[in-house]
């Protein structure tokens, strides 16, 4: 994964790198990942606690890379489709910018390809997420070409302000079946869950983020 950052993200211009920026957070997560990996390299049979710490560092590092990819690369019209293809991003009618090096490869930008997603608390301390293809009322689950649905969420007081975006959410889950029920604790009853969702395709690339959704936890 460090190769992804070194070859794809760092060479790009226009990404803020100061204190509190996404790139600063990514570099911090990379350092944590490298340390955790060093403590629990594969095939060495490290202890369970070290493996758990390594896997958590991997998830957080990947999530940060996906966030930067989505904001600065995938939907960046300043980059041509050819440039995106060079770093391994699949180009489709939904993700192309229409800017190309040859006239025969022009792809028109279409609507965003985020999931249609909703959340409802059907029992105490749980939240059930449903998701499917946008614009297809009968769709449930993962569409062709996608691996799972990534949901970033945060739980706040019922009267708290909505988060500004997916980066403000401090929890995430990866679901492959809809509906998907998450146990969030009975102690959170009466609080509000806010969330955003995005498809992750079979190559691990994040697609567009959905508009915000929310529900009160029963």
N, C-alpha and C. Protein backbone atom coordinates (compact mmCIF):
# COMPACT_ATOMS: atom_id res chain seq x y z
N UNK A 1 0.82 -1.21 0.00
CA UNK A 1 0.00 0.00 0.00
C UNK A 1 0.85 1.27 0.00
N UNK A 2 2.06 1.19 0.55
CA UNK A 2 2.91 2.38 0.52
C UNK A 2 3.25 2.75 -0.91
N UNK A 3 3.32 1.74 -1.80
CA UNK A 3 3.60 2.03 -3.21
C UNK A 3 2.47 2.84 -3.83
N UNK A 4 1.22 2.57 -3.40
CA UNK A 4 0.08 3.32 -3.91
C UNK A 4 0.25 4.80 -3.59
N UNK A 5 0.61 5.07 -2.35
CA UNK A 5 0.78 6.47 -1.95
C UNK A 5 1.94 7.12 -2.69
N UNK A 6 3.08 6.41 -2.75
CA UNK A 6 4.28 6.99 -3.35
C UNK A 6 4.11 7.27 -4.84
N UNK A 7 3.43 6.35 -5.56
CA UNK A 7 3.34 6.49 -7.01
C UNK A 7 2.12 7.24 -7.50
N UNK A 8 1.08 7.33 -6.68
CA UNK A 8 -0.17 7.92 -7.13
C UNK A 8 -0.46 9.26 -6.46
N UNK A 9 -0.34 9.33 -5.17
CA UNK A 9 -0.83 10.49 -4.44
C UNK A 9 0.22 11.58 -4.30
N UNK A 10 1.42 11.23 -3.81
CA UNK A 10 2.41 12.25 -3.53
C UNK A 10 2.83 13.08 -4.73
N UNK A 11 2.92 12.51 -5.96
CA UNK A 11 3.33 13.33 -7.10
C UNK A 11 2.30 14.36 -7.54
N UNK A 12 1.06 14.21 -7.12
CA UNK A 12 0.02 15.14 -7.56
C UNK A 12 0.17 16.49 -6.89
N UNK A 13 -0.15 17.56 -7.64
CA UNK A 13 -0.11 18.90 -7.08
C UNK A 13 -1.52 19.31 -6.67
N UNK A 14 -1.60 20.26 -5.76
CA UNK A 14 -2.89 20.80 -5.37
C UNK A 14 -3.52 20.13 -4.17
N UNK A 15 -2.86 19.14 -3.58
CA UNK A 15 -3.39 18.50 -2.39
C UNK A 15 -2.79 19.20 -1.17
N UNK A 16 -3.62 19.79 -0.30
CA UNK A 16 -3.09 20.47 0.88
C UNK A 16 -2.30 19.50 1.75
N UNK A 17 -1.17 19.95 2.28
CA UNK A 17 -0.31 19.08 3.08
C UNK A 17 -0.04 19.64 4.47
N UNK A 18 -0.68 20.74 4.83
CA UNK A 18 -0.41 21.36 6.13
C UNK A 18 -1.05 20.60 7.29
N UNK A 19 -0.82 21.12 8.49
CA UNK A 19 -1.38 20.52 9.70
C UNK A 19 -2.89 20.41 9.61
N UNK A 20 -3.42 19.24 9.90
CA UNK A 20 -4.86 19.03 9.86
C UNK A 20 -5.39 18.65 8.50
N UNK A 21 -4.54 18.61 7.47
CA UNK A 21 -4.99 18.27 6.12
C UNK A 21 -5.15 16.76 5.97
N UNK A 22 -5.82 16.37 4.88
CA UNK A 22 -6.00 14.94 4.62
C UNK A 22 -4.67 14.26 4.35
N UNK A 23 -3.75 14.95 3.66
CA UNK A 23 -2.46 14.34 3.38
C UNK A 23 -1.65 14.16 4.66
N UNK A 24 -1.73 15.12 5.58
CA UNK A 24 -1.04 14.98 6.85
C UNK A 24 -1.59 13.78 7.62
N UNK A 25 -2.93 13.62 7.56
CA UNK A 25 -3.55 12.48 8.23
C UNK A 25 -3.11 11.17 7.58
N UNK A 26 -3.03 11.19 6.24
CA UNK A 26 -2.60 9.99 5.52
C UNK A 26 -1.18 9.60 5.89
N UNK A 27 -0.28 10.57 5.96
CA UNK A 27 1.10 10.27 6.32
C UNK A 27 1.21 9.71 7.73
N UNK A 28 0.37 10.23 8.64
CA UNK A 28 0.35 9.72 10.00
C UNK A 28 -0.14 8.28 10.03
N UNK A 29 -1.19 8.00 9.24
CA UNK A 29 -1.72 6.64 9.19
C UNK A 29 -0.74 5.69 8.52
N UNK A 30 0.01 6.21 7.54
CA UNK A 30 1.03 5.37 6.90
C UNK A 30 2.09 4.98 7.92
N UNK A 31 2.53 5.93 8.74
CA UNK A 31 3.54 5.63 9.75
C UNK A 31 3.03 4.59 10.75
N UNK A 32 1.76 4.73 11.13
CA UNK A 32 1.16 3.76 12.05
C UNK A 32 1.08 2.38 11.42
N UNK A 33 0.74 2.35 10.11
CA UNK A 33 0.66 1.09 9.39
C UNK A 33 2.03 0.42 9.30
N UNK A 34 3.06 1.19 8.94
CA UNK A 34 4.41 0.64 8.81
C UNK A 34 4.87 0.05 10.15
N UNK A 35 4.60 0.78 11.25
CA UNK A 35 4.99 0.29 12.57
C UNK A 35 4.24 -0.99 12.93
N UNK A 36 2.92 -1.00 12.68
CA UNK A 36 2.10 -2.18 13.02
C UNK A 36 2.49 -3.37 12.17
N UNK A 37 2.81 -3.12 10.90
CA UNK A 37 3.23 -4.20 10.00
C UNK A 37 4.57 -4.78 10.46
N UNK A 38 5.47 -3.90 10.90
CA UNK A 38 6.77 -4.36 11.38
C UNK A 38 6.65 -5.24 12.62
N UNK A 39 5.62 -4.96 13.44
CA UNK A 39 5.40 -5.76 14.65
C UNK A 39 4.70 -7.08 14.37
N UNK A 40 4.04 -7.17 13.21
CA UNK A 40 3.27 -8.39 12.90
C UNK A 40 3.34 -8.71 11.42
N UNK A 41 4.54 -8.95 10.88
CA UNK A 41 4.63 -9.29 9.46
C UNK A 41 3.96 -10.63 9.17
N UNK A 42 3.42 -10.81 7.97
CA UNK A 42 2.76 -12.06 7.63
C UNK A 42 3.70 -13.26 7.75
N UNK A 43 3.12 -14.41 8.04
CA UNK A 43 3.82 -15.70 8.07
C UNK A 43 4.82 -15.82 9.21
N UNK A 44 4.72 -14.94 10.23
CA UNK A 44 5.63 -15.05 11.37
C UNK A 44 4.90 -15.46 12.64
N UNK A 45 3.59 -15.66 12.55
CA UNK A 45 2.77 -16.09 13.69
C UNK A 45 2.89 -15.16 14.90
N UNK A 46 2.64 -13.84 14.68
CA UNK A 46 2.67 -12.92 15.82
C UNK A 46 1.45 -13.14 16.71
N UNK A 47 1.45 -12.50 17.86
CA UNK A 47 0.33 -12.65 18.78
C UNK A 47 -0.94 -12.02 18.23
N UNK A 48 -2.09 -12.42 18.78
CA UNK A 48 -3.38 -11.95 18.31
C UNK A 48 -3.51 -10.44 18.42
N UNK A 49 -3.01 -9.87 19.52
CA UNK A 49 -3.13 -8.42 19.72
C UNK A 49 -2.37 -7.65 18.63
N UNK A 50 -1.20 -8.16 18.24
CA UNK A 50 -0.40 -7.49 17.21
C UNK A 50 -1.07 -7.60 15.84
N UNK A 51 -1.68 -8.75 15.57
CA UNK A 51 -2.39 -8.93 14.29
C UNK A 51 -3.60 -8.00 14.22
N UNK A 52 -4.32 -7.90 15.34
CA UNK A 52 -5.49 -7.01 15.40
C UNK A 52 -5.07 -5.56 15.16
N UNK A 53 -3.97 -5.16 15.79
CA UNK A 53 -3.48 -3.78 15.62
C UNK A 53 -3.05 -3.54 14.17
N UNK A 54 -2.39 -4.54 13.57
CA UNK A 54 -1.97 -4.40 12.17
C UNK A 54 -3.17 -4.28 11.24
N UNK A 55 -4.18 -5.13 11.43
CA UNK A 55 -5.36 -5.11 10.57
C UNK A 55 -6.12 -3.79 10.70
N UNK A 56 -6.18 -3.26 11.92
CA UNK A 56 -6.85 -1.97 12.12
C UNK A 56 -6.09 -0.87 11.41
N UNK A 57 -4.76 -0.90 11.49
CA UNK A 57 -3.95 0.12 10.82
C UNK A 57 -4.12 0.04 9.31
N UNK A 58 -4.24 -1.18 8.78
CA UNK A 58 -4.46 -1.37 7.35
C UNK A 58 -5.78 -0.74 6.92
N UNK A 59 -6.85 -1.01 7.68
CA UNK A 59 -8.18 -0.48 7.33
C UNK A 59 -8.18 1.04 7.33
N UNK A 60 -7.58 1.64 8.35
CA UNK A 60 -7.57 3.10 8.44
C UNK A 60 -6.74 3.72 7.32
N UNK A 61 -5.61 3.10 7.01
CA UNK A 61 -4.74 3.60 5.95
C UNK A 61 -5.45 3.52 4.59
N UNK A 62 -6.10 2.40 4.30
CA UNK A 62 -6.83 2.24 3.05
C UNK A 62 -7.96 3.26 2.94
N UNK A 63 -8.68 3.47 4.04
CA UNK A 63 -9.79 4.41 4.03
C UNK A 63 -9.31 5.82 3.70
N UNK A 64 -8.15 6.20 4.26
CA UNK A 64 -7.60 7.52 4.00
C UNK A 64 -7.17 7.67 2.54
N UNK A 65 -6.56 6.62 1.98
CA UNK A 65 -6.17 6.65 0.58
C UNK A 65 -7.40 6.79 -0.31
N UNK A 66 -8.46 6.03 0.02
CA UNK A 66 -9.69 6.10 -0.78
C UNK A 66 -10.29 7.50 -0.75
N UNK A 67 -10.24 8.13 0.43
CA UNK A 67 -10.81 9.47 0.57
C UNK A 67 -10.08 10.47 -0.31
N UNK A 68 -8.75 10.42 -0.31
CA UNK A 68 -7.97 11.35 -1.13
C UNK A 68 -8.16 11.03 -2.61
N UNK A 69 -8.22 9.73 -2.94
CA UNK A 69 -8.44 9.34 -4.34
C UNK A 69 -9.76 9.90 -4.85
N UNK A 70 -10.81 9.79 -4.02
CA UNK A 70 -12.13 10.27 -4.43
C UNK A 70 -12.15 11.78 -4.62
N UNK A 71 -11.51 12.52 -3.70
CA UNK A 71 -11.59 13.98 -3.74
C UNK A 71 -10.66 14.60 -4.77
N UNK A 72 -9.44 14.08 -4.90
CA UNK A 72 -8.44 14.76 -5.70
C UNK A 72 -8.11 14.06 -7.03
N UNK A 73 -8.53 12.80 -7.19
CA UNK A 73 -8.15 12.08 -8.39
C UNK A 73 -9.35 11.65 -9.21
N UNK A 74 -10.21 10.79 -8.62
CA UNK A 74 -11.30 10.19 -9.40
C UNK A 74 -12.20 11.25 -10.03
N UNK A 75 -12.62 12.25 -9.26
CA UNK A 75 -13.55 13.25 -9.77
C UNK A 75 -12.87 14.58 -10.12
N UNK A 76 -11.59 14.53 -10.40
CA UNK A 76 -10.82 15.74 -10.72
C UNK A 76 -10.82 15.95 -12.23
N UNK A 77 -11.58 16.92 -12.71
CA UNK A 77 -11.68 17.18 -14.15
C UNK A 77 -10.38 17.73 -14.74
N UNK A 78 -9.45 18.16 -13.88
CA UNK A 78 -8.17 18.64 -14.39
C UNK A 78 -7.28 17.49 -14.87
N UNK A 79 -7.61 16.27 -14.46
CA UNK A 79 -6.86 15.10 -14.90
C UNK A 79 -7.60 14.45 -16.06
N UNK A 80 -6.87 14.06 -17.08
CA UNK A 80 -7.49 13.37 -18.21
C UNK A 80 -7.79 11.93 -17.84
N UNK A 81 -8.70 11.31 -18.60
CA UNK A 81 -8.98 9.90 -18.39
C UNK A 81 -7.72 9.06 -18.61
N UNK A 82 -6.90 9.51 -19.57
CA UNK A 82 -5.66 8.78 -19.83
C UNK A 82 -4.77 8.77 -18.60
N UNK A 83 -4.66 9.91 -17.91
CA UNK A 83 -3.85 9.97 -16.70
C UNK A 83 -4.41 9.06 -15.62
N UNK A 84 -5.73 9.03 -15.49
CA UNK A 84 -6.35 8.17 -14.49
C UNK A 84 -6.13 6.70 -14.81
N UNK A 85 -6.20 6.36 -16.09
CA UNK A 85 -5.95 4.99 -16.49
C UNK A 85 -4.51 4.59 -16.19
N UNK A 86 -3.59 5.54 -16.30
CA UNK A 86 -2.18 5.25 -16.05
C UNK A 86 -1.92 4.85 -14.60
N UNK A 87 -2.77 5.31 -13.68
CA UNK A 87 -2.59 4.94 -12.28
C UNK A 87 -3.59 3.87 -11.86
N UNK A 88 -4.25 3.26 -12.83
CA UNK A 88 -5.06 2.08 -12.55
C UNK A 88 -6.52 2.31 -12.25
N UNK A 89 -7.03 3.53 -12.43
CA UNK A 89 -8.45 3.78 -12.18
C UNK A 89 -9.27 3.38 -13.40
N UNK A 90 -10.31 2.57 -13.21
CA UNK A 90 -11.15 2.21 -14.36
C UNK A 90 -11.96 3.40 -14.82
N UNK A 91 -12.07 3.61 -16.13
CA UNK A 91 -12.80 4.74 -16.69
C UNK A 91 -14.08 4.22 -17.34
N UNK A 92 -15.20 4.74 -16.91
CA UNK A 92 -16.49 4.34 -17.45
C UNK A 92 -17.27 5.59 -17.84
N UNK A 93 -18.46 5.38 -18.40
CA UNK A 93 -19.30 6.52 -18.77
C UNK A 93 -19.69 7.33 -17.55
N UNK A 94 -19.64 6.73 -16.36
CA UNK A 94 -20.03 7.44 -15.16
C UNK A 94 -18.88 8.21 -14.52
N UNK A 95 -17.65 7.80 -14.81
CA UNK A 95 -16.52 8.42 -14.13
C UNK A 95 -15.59 9.20 -15.04
N UNK A 96 -15.79 9.12 -16.35
CA UNK A 96 -14.91 9.83 -17.27
C UNK A 96 -15.08 11.33 -17.20
N UNK A 97 -14.00 12.05 -17.50
CA UNK A 97 -14.06 13.50 -17.46
C UNK A 97 -14.38 14.09 -18.82
N UNK A 98 -14.21 13.30 -19.90
CA UNK A 98 -14.39 13.82 -21.24
C UNK A 98 -13.15 14.50 -21.78
N UNK A 99 -12.04 14.46 -21.01
CA UNK A 99 -10.78 15.06 -21.45
C UNK A 99 -9.81 13.93 -21.78
N UNK A 100 -9.36 13.88 -23.04
CA UNK A 100 -8.57 12.75 -23.49
C UNK A 100 -7.46 13.20 -24.43
N UNK A 101 -6.52 12.28 -24.64
CA UNK A 101 -5.41 12.59 -25.53
C UNK A 101 -5.72 12.23 -26.98
N UNK A 102 -6.74 11.41 -27.21
CA UNK A 102 -7.13 11.05 -28.57
C UNK A 102 -8.63 11.25 -28.73
N UNK A 103 -9.05 11.64 -29.91
CA UNK A 103 -10.47 11.93 -30.14
C UNK A 103 -11.33 10.69 -30.11
N UNK A 104 -10.74 9.51 -30.27
CA UNK A 104 -11.53 8.28 -30.33
C UNK A 104 -11.87 7.72 -28.96
N UNK A 105 -11.32 8.31 -27.90
CA UNK A 105 -11.54 7.74 -26.58
C UNK A 105 -12.42 8.61 -25.68
N UNK A 106 -13.14 9.56 -26.26
CA UNK A 106 -13.95 10.47 -25.45
C UNK A 106 -15.12 9.73 -24.81
N UNK A 107 -15.27 9.93 -23.50
CA UNK A 107 -16.37 9.34 -22.75
C UNK A 107 -17.09 10.47 -22.03
N UNK A 108 -18.36 10.56 -22.21
CA UNK A 108 -19.14 11.64 -21.62
C UNK A 108 -19.40 11.37 -20.14
N UNK A 109 -19.24 12.39 -19.31
CA UNK A 109 -19.53 12.23 -17.89
C UNK A 109 -21.04 12.07 -17.69
N UNK A 110 -21.40 11.10 -16.87
CA UNK A 110 -22.81 10.83 -16.58
C UNK A 110 -23.09 11.17 -15.12
N UNK A 111 -24.20 10.66 -14.59
CA UNK A 111 -24.58 10.92 -13.21
C UNK A 111 -23.63 10.22 -12.24
N UNK A 112 -23.50 10.72 -11.01
CA UNK A 112 -22.65 10.06 -10.01
C UNK A 112 -23.11 8.62 -9.77
N UNK A 113 -22.17 7.75 -9.45
CA UNK A 113 -22.53 6.34 -9.26
C UNK A 113 -22.49 5.94 -7.79
N UNK A 114 -23.07 6.75 -6.93
CA UNK A 114 -23.13 6.39 -5.51
C UNK A 114 -24.35 5.50 -5.23
N UNK A 115 -24.35 4.78 -4.11
CA UNK A 115 -25.48 3.91 -3.80
C UNK A 115 -26.72 4.70 -3.39
N UNK A 116 -27.87 4.08 -3.60
CA UNK A 116 -29.10 4.54 -2.96
C UNK A 116 -29.11 3.86 -1.60
N UNK A 117 -29.06 4.64 -0.53
CA UNK A 117 -28.84 4.07 0.80
C UNK A 117 -29.80 4.66 1.82
N UNK A 118 -30.17 3.86 2.79
CA UNK A 118 -31.03 4.32 3.87
C UNK A 118 -30.70 3.59 5.15
N UNK A 119 -31.15 4.12 6.27
CA UNK A 119 -30.90 3.49 7.57
C UNK A 119 -32.14 3.59 8.43
N UNK A 120 -32.39 2.55 9.21
CA UNK A 120 -33.55 2.52 10.10
C UNK A 120 -33.22 1.68 11.32
N UNK A 121 -33.65 2.13 12.48
CA UNK A 121 -33.43 1.37 13.71
C UNK A 121 -34.70 0.59 14.04
N UNK A 122 -34.64 -0.72 13.79
CA UNK A 122 -35.82 -1.56 13.98
C UNK A 122 -35.91 -2.18 15.36
N UNK A 123 -34.80 -2.20 16.09
CA UNK A 123 -34.80 -2.73 17.45
C UNK A 123 -33.79 -1.97 18.29
N UNK A 124 -33.90 -2.08 19.59
CA UNK A 124 -33.07 -1.28 20.49
C UNK A 124 -31.58 -1.53 20.25
N UNK A 125 -30.86 -0.43 20.04
CA UNK A 125 -29.41 -0.50 19.90
C UNK A 125 -28.90 -1.03 18.59
N UNK A 126 -29.77 -1.12 17.58
CA UNK A 126 -29.31 -1.60 16.27
C UNK A 126 -29.72 -0.62 15.17
N UNK A 127 -28.98 -0.67 14.07
CA UNK A 127 -29.32 0.11 12.88
C UNK A 127 -29.23 -0.83 11.68
N UNK A 128 -30.26 -0.82 10.85
CA UNK A 128 -30.28 -1.64 9.64
C UNK A 128 -30.10 -0.74 8.43
N UNK A 129 -29.08 -1.06 7.64
CA UNK A 129 -28.76 -0.30 6.43
C UNK A 129 -29.28 -1.06 5.21
N UNK A 130 -29.87 -0.34 4.28
CA UNK A 130 -30.27 -0.91 2.99
C UNK A 130 -29.61 -0.10 1.89
N UNK A 131 -29.18 -0.79 0.84
CA UNK A 131 -28.52 -0.08 -0.25
C UNK A 131 -28.70 -0.85 -1.55
N UNK A 132 -28.60 -0.11 -2.64
CA UNK A 132 -28.74 -0.69 -3.97
C UNK A 132 -28.34 0.33 -5.02
N UNK A 133 -28.57 -0.01 -6.28
CA UNK A 133 -28.21 0.89 -7.36
C UNK A 133 -29.08 2.13 -7.37
N UNK A 134 -28.48 3.27 -7.59
CA UNK A 134 -29.20 4.53 -7.65
C UNK A 134 -30.16 4.52 -8.84
N UNK A 135 -31.41 4.89 -8.61
CA UNK A 135 -32.40 4.97 -9.68
C UNK A 135 -33.10 3.66 -10.00
N UNK A 136 -32.76 2.60 -9.28
CA UNK A 136 -33.39 1.29 -9.48
C UNK A 136 -34.06 0.87 -8.18
N UNK A 137 -35.36 1.11 -8.09
CA UNK A 137 -36.10 0.87 -6.85
C UNK A 137 -36.08 -0.59 -6.42
N UNK A 138 -35.89 -1.51 -7.36
CA UNK A 138 -35.89 -2.94 -7.03
C UNK A 138 -34.51 -3.47 -6.68
N UNK A 139 -33.50 -2.63 -6.82
CA UNK A 139 -32.13 -3.09 -6.58
C UNK A 139 -31.84 -3.22 -5.09
N UNK A 140 -31.20 -4.32 -4.72
CA UNK A 140 -30.74 -4.54 -3.36
C UNK A 140 -29.37 -5.20 -3.43
N UNK A 141 -28.41 -4.69 -2.68
CA UNK A 141 -27.11 -5.30 -2.62
C UNK A 141 -26.12 -4.69 -3.60
N UNK A 142 -25.11 -5.47 -3.95
CA UNK A 142 -23.96 -4.99 -4.72
C UNK A 142 -24.19 -5.15 -6.21
N UNK A 143 -24.07 -4.10 -7.00
CA UNK A 143 -24.21 -4.22 -8.46
C UNK A 143 -22.98 -4.84 -9.10
N UNK A 144 -23.09 -5.21 -10.34
CA UNK A 144 -21.98 -5.81 -11.07
C UNK A 144 -20.78 -4.88 -11.09
N UNK A 145 -19.61 -5.43 -10.89
CA UNK A 145 -18.39 -4.65 -10.92
C UNK A 145 -17.98 -4.06 -9.58
N UNK A 146 -18.87 -4.14 -8.58
CA UNK A 146 -18.58 -3.61 -7.26
C UNK A 146 -18.32 -4.75 -6.27
N UNK A 147 -17.49 -4.47 -5.28
CA UNK A 147 -17.15 -5.49 -4.28
C UNK A 147 -17.95 -5.35 -3.00
N UNK A 148 -18.09 -4.11 -2.52
CA UNK A 148 -18.87 -3.90 -1.31
C UNK A 148 -19.30 -2.44 -1.21
N UNK A 149 -20.14 -2.18 -0.25
CA UNK A 149 -20.60 -0.82 0.04
C UNK A 149 -19.88 -0.32 1.29
N UNK A 150 -19.14 0.77 1.15
CA UNK A 150 -18.45 1.38 2.28
C UNK A 150 -19.36 2.44 2.90
N UNK A 151 -19.59 2.33 4.20
CA UNK A 151 -20.44 3.29 4.91
C UNK A 151 -19.62 3.95 6.01
N UNK A 152 -19.46 5.25 5.90
CA UNK A 152 -18.80 6.04 6.93
C UNK A 152 -19.91 6.66 7.79
N UNK A 153 -19.82 6.53 9.11
CA UNK A 153 -20.90 7.07 9.93
C UNK A 153 -20.37 7.61 11.26
N UNK A 154 -21.22 8.41 11.88
CA UNK A 154 -20.92 8.97 13.20
C UNK A 154 -22.23 9.02 13.99
N UNK A 155 -22.14 8.83 15.28
CA UNK A 155 -23.32 8.88 16.15
C UNK A 155 -23.19 10.09 17.07
N UNK A 156 -24.24 10.91 17.08
CA UNK A 156 -24.22 12.15 17.85
C UNK A 156 -25.50 12.27 18.68
N UNK A 157 -25.55 13.31 19.49
CA UNK A 157 -26.80 13.63 20.18
C UNK A 157 -27.87 13.91 19.12
N UNK A 158 -29.12 13.65 19.46
CA UNK A 158 -30.21 13.78 18.49
C UNK A 158 -30.33 15.20 17.93
N UNK A 159 -29.94 16.20 18.73
CA UNK A 159 -30.09 17.59 18.28
C UNK A 159 -28.77 18.19 17.78
N UNK A 160 -27.75 17.37 17.59
CA UNK A 160 -26.46 17.87 17.12
C UNK A 160 -26.51 18.20 15.64
N UNK A 161 -25.57 19.05 15.21
CA UNK A 161 -25.50 19.42 13.80
C UNK A 161 -24.99 18.25 12.96
N UNK A 162 -25.39 18.23 11.72
CA UNK A 162 -24.96 17.16 10.81
C UNK A 162 -23.47 17.31 10.51
N UNK A 163 -22.76 16.21 10.30
CA UNK A 163 -21.34 16.29 9.92
C UNK A 163 -21.19 16.93 8.55
N UNK A 164 -20.07 17.60 8.34
CA UNK A 164 -19.85 18.32 7.08
C UNK A 164 -19.63 17.39 5.90
N UNK A 165 -19.15 16.20 6.15
CA UNK A 165 -18.87 15.25 5.08
C UNK A 165 -18.42 13.93 5.64
N UNK A 166 -18.08 12.99 4.75
CA UNK A 166 -17.69 11.66 5.22
C UNK A 166 -16.42 11.68 6.06
N UNK A 167 -15.56 12.67 5.84
CA UNK A 167 -14.33 12.75 6.63
C UNK A 167 -14.59 13.09 8.09
N UNK A 168 -15.76 13.64 8.38
CA UNK A 168 -16.10 13.98 9.76
C UNK A 168 -16.65 12.78 10.52
N UNK A 169 -16.85 11.67 9.83
CA UNK A 169 -17.38 10.46 10.46
C UNK A 169 -16.24 9.61 11.01
N UNK A 170 -16.40 9.11 12.22
CA UNK A 170 -15.31 8.41 12.89
C UNK A 170 -15.45 6.89 12.91
N UNK A 171 -16.47 6.36 12.25
CA UNK A 171 -16.65 4.91 12.19
C UNK A 171 -16.97 4.51 10.75
N UNK A 172 -16.70 3.24 10.44
CA UNK A 172 -17.04 2.77 9.09
C UNK A 172 -17.37 1.28 9.13
N UNK A 173 -18.08 0.83 8.13
CA UNK A 173 -18.34 -0.59 7.96
C UNK A 173 -18.34 -0.90 6.47
N UNK A 174 -18.10 -2.16 6.15
CA UNK A 174 -18.06 -2.61 4.76
C UNK A 174 -19.07 -3.75 4.61
N UNK A 175 -20.13 -3.50 3.84
CA UNK A 175 -21.23 -4.47 3.72
C UNK A 175 -21.33 -5.00 2.30
N UNK A 176 -21.64 -6.28 2.18
CA UNK A 176 -21.82 -6.90 0.87
C UNK A 176 -23.25 -7.39 0.67
N UNK A 177 -24.06 -7.35 1.72
CA UNK A 177 -25.45 -7.77 1.60
C UNK A 177 -26.38 -6.68 2.11
N UNK A 178 -27.51 -6.54 1.48
CA UNK A 178 -28.53 -5.58 1.91
C UNK A 178 -29.85 -6.32 2.09
N UNK A 179 -30.51 -6.13 3.24
CA UNK A 179 -30.15 -5.23 4.35
C UNK A 179 -29.01 -5.79 5.20
N UNK A 180 -28.35 -4.87 5.91
CA UNK A 180 -27.24 -5.21 6.79
C UNK A 180 -27.51 -4.55 8.14
N UNK A 181 -27.52 -5.34 9.22
CA UNK A 181 -27.83 -4.80 10.54
C UNK A 181 -26.57 -4.70 11.39
N UNK A 182 -26.38 -3.54 11.98
CA UNK A 182 -25.22 -3.26 12.82
C UNK A 182 -25.68 -3.03 14.26
N UNK A 183 -25.06 -3.74 15.21
CA UNK A 183 -25.33 -3.54 16.63
C UNK A 183 -24.48 -2.37 17.11
N UNK A 184 -25.12 -1.27 17.49
CA UNK A 184 -24.37 -0.08 17.90
C UNK A 184 -24.45 0.21 19.40
N UNK A 185 -25.06 -0.68 20.17
CA UNK A 185 -25.15 -0.59 21.63
C UNK A 185 -26.47 0.04 22.11
N UNK A 186 -27.05 -0.59 23.08
CA UNK A 186 -28.29 -0.09 23.68
C UNK A 186 -28.09 1.26 24.36
N UNK A 187 -26.87 1.50 24.82
CA UNK A 187 -26.58 2.76 25.52
C UNK A 187 -26.72 3.97 24.61
N UNK A 188 -26.76 3.76 23.29
CA UNK A 188 -26.87 4.86 22.35
C UNK A 188 -28.31 5.14 21.93
N UNK A 189 -29.25 4.47 22.55
CA UNK A 189 -30.66 4.67 22.24
C UNK A 189 -31.05 6.14 22.39
N UNK A 190 -31.74 6.66 21.38
CA UNK A 190 -32.16 8.06 21.39
C UNK A 190 -31.18 8.99 20.70
N UNK A 191 -30.01 8.50 20.37
CA UNK A 191 -29.05 9.33 19.65
C UNK A 191 -29.24 9.18 18.13
N UNK A 192 -28.53 9.99 17.37
CA UNK A 192 -28.73 9.99 15.92
C UNK A 192 -27.49 9.48 15.20
N UNK A 193 -27.72 8.61 14.22
CA UNK A 193 -26.65 8.14 13.34
C UNK A 193 -26.72 8.91 12.04
N UNK A 194 -25.56 9.47 11.64
CA UNK A 194 -25.42 10.15 10.35
C UNK A 194 -24.46 9.34 9.50
N UNK A 195 -24.70 9.27 8.20
CA UNK A 195 -23.79 8.48 7.38
C UNK A 195 -23.71 8.89 5.93
N UNK A 196 -22.68 8.39 5.27
CA UNK A 196 -22.46 8.55 3.83
C UNK A 196 -22.04 7.18 3.30
N UNK A 197 -22.36 6.88 2.05
CA UNK A 197 -22.02 5.58 1.48
C UNK A 197 -21.39 5.73 0.11
N UNK A 198 -20.54 4.78 -0.24
CA UNK A 198 -19.89 4.76 -1.55
C UNK A 198 -19.63 3.32 -1.96
N UNK A 199 -19.66 3.08 -3.26
CA UNK A 199 -19.30 1.76 -3.77
C UNK A 199 -17.78 1.63 -3.79
N UNK A 200 -17.29 0.44 -3.47
CA UNK A 200 -15.89 0.09 -3.67
C UNK A 200 -15.88 -1.00 -4.73
N UNK A 201 -15.21 -0.77 -5.84
CA UNK A 201 -15.27 -1.75 -6.92
C UNK A 201 -14.30 -2.91 -6.68
N UNK A 202 -14.27 -3.85 -7.60
CA UNK A 202 -13.48 -5.07 -7.41
C UNK A 202 -11.98 -4.82 -7.47
N UNK A 203 -11.58 -3.61 -7.85
CA UNK A 203 -10.16 -3.25 -7.85
C UNK A 203 -9.79 -2.43 -6.62
N UNK A 204 -10.76 -2.24 -5.72
CA UNK A 204 -10.50 -1.50 -4.50
C UNK A 204 -10.63 0.00 -4.64
N UNK A 205 -11.18 0.46 -5.76
CA UNK A 205 -11.31 1.90 -6.02
C UNK A 205 -12.64 2.40 -5.47
N UNK A 206 -12.59 3.52 -4.77
CA UNK A 206 -13.80 4.11 -4.21
C UNK A 206 -14.49 4.96 -5.27
N UNK A 207 -15.84 4.91 -5.31
CA UNK A 207 -16.61 5.71 -6.24
C UNK A 207 -17.22 6.90 -5.49
N UNK A 208 -18.20 7.55 -6.09
CA UNK A 208 -18.74 8.79 -5.51
C UNK A 208 -19.43 8.53 -4.17
N UNK A 209 -19.37 9.54 -3.30
CA UNK A 209 -20.07 9.45 -2.01
C UNK A 209 -21.52 9.87 -2.17
N UNK A 210 -22.39 9.19 -1.44
CA UNK A 210 -23.81 9.52 -1.45
C UNK A 210 -24.08 10.79 -0.66
N UNK A 211 -25.26 11.38 -0.85
CA UNK A 211 -25.68 12.45 0.06
C UNK A 211 -25.82 11.88 1.48
N UNK A 212 -25.85 12.74 2.45
CA UNK A 212 -25.95 12.31 3.84
C UNK A 212 -27.30 11.65 4.13
N UNK A 213 -27.30 10.65 5.01
CA UNK A 213 -28.55 10.05 5.49
C UNK A 213 -28.46 9.92 7.00
N UNK A 214 -29.58 9.70 7.66
CA UNK A 214 -29.56 9.62 9.12
C UNK A 214 -30.76 8.84 9.65
N UNK A 215 -30.68 8.44 10.91
CA UNK A 215 -31.81 7.84 11.61
C UNK A 215 -31.59 7.96 13.10
N UNK A 216 -32.68 7.95 13.86
CA UNK A 216 -32.61 7.93 15.32
C UNK A 216 -32.51 6.48 15.78
N UNK A 217 -31.57 6.22 16.68
CA UNK A 217 -31.38 4.85 17.19
C UNK A 217 -32.46 4.55 18.23
N UNK A 218 -33.15 3.47 18.01
CA UNK A 218 -34.24 3.07 18.93
C UNK A 218 -33.70 2.72 20.31
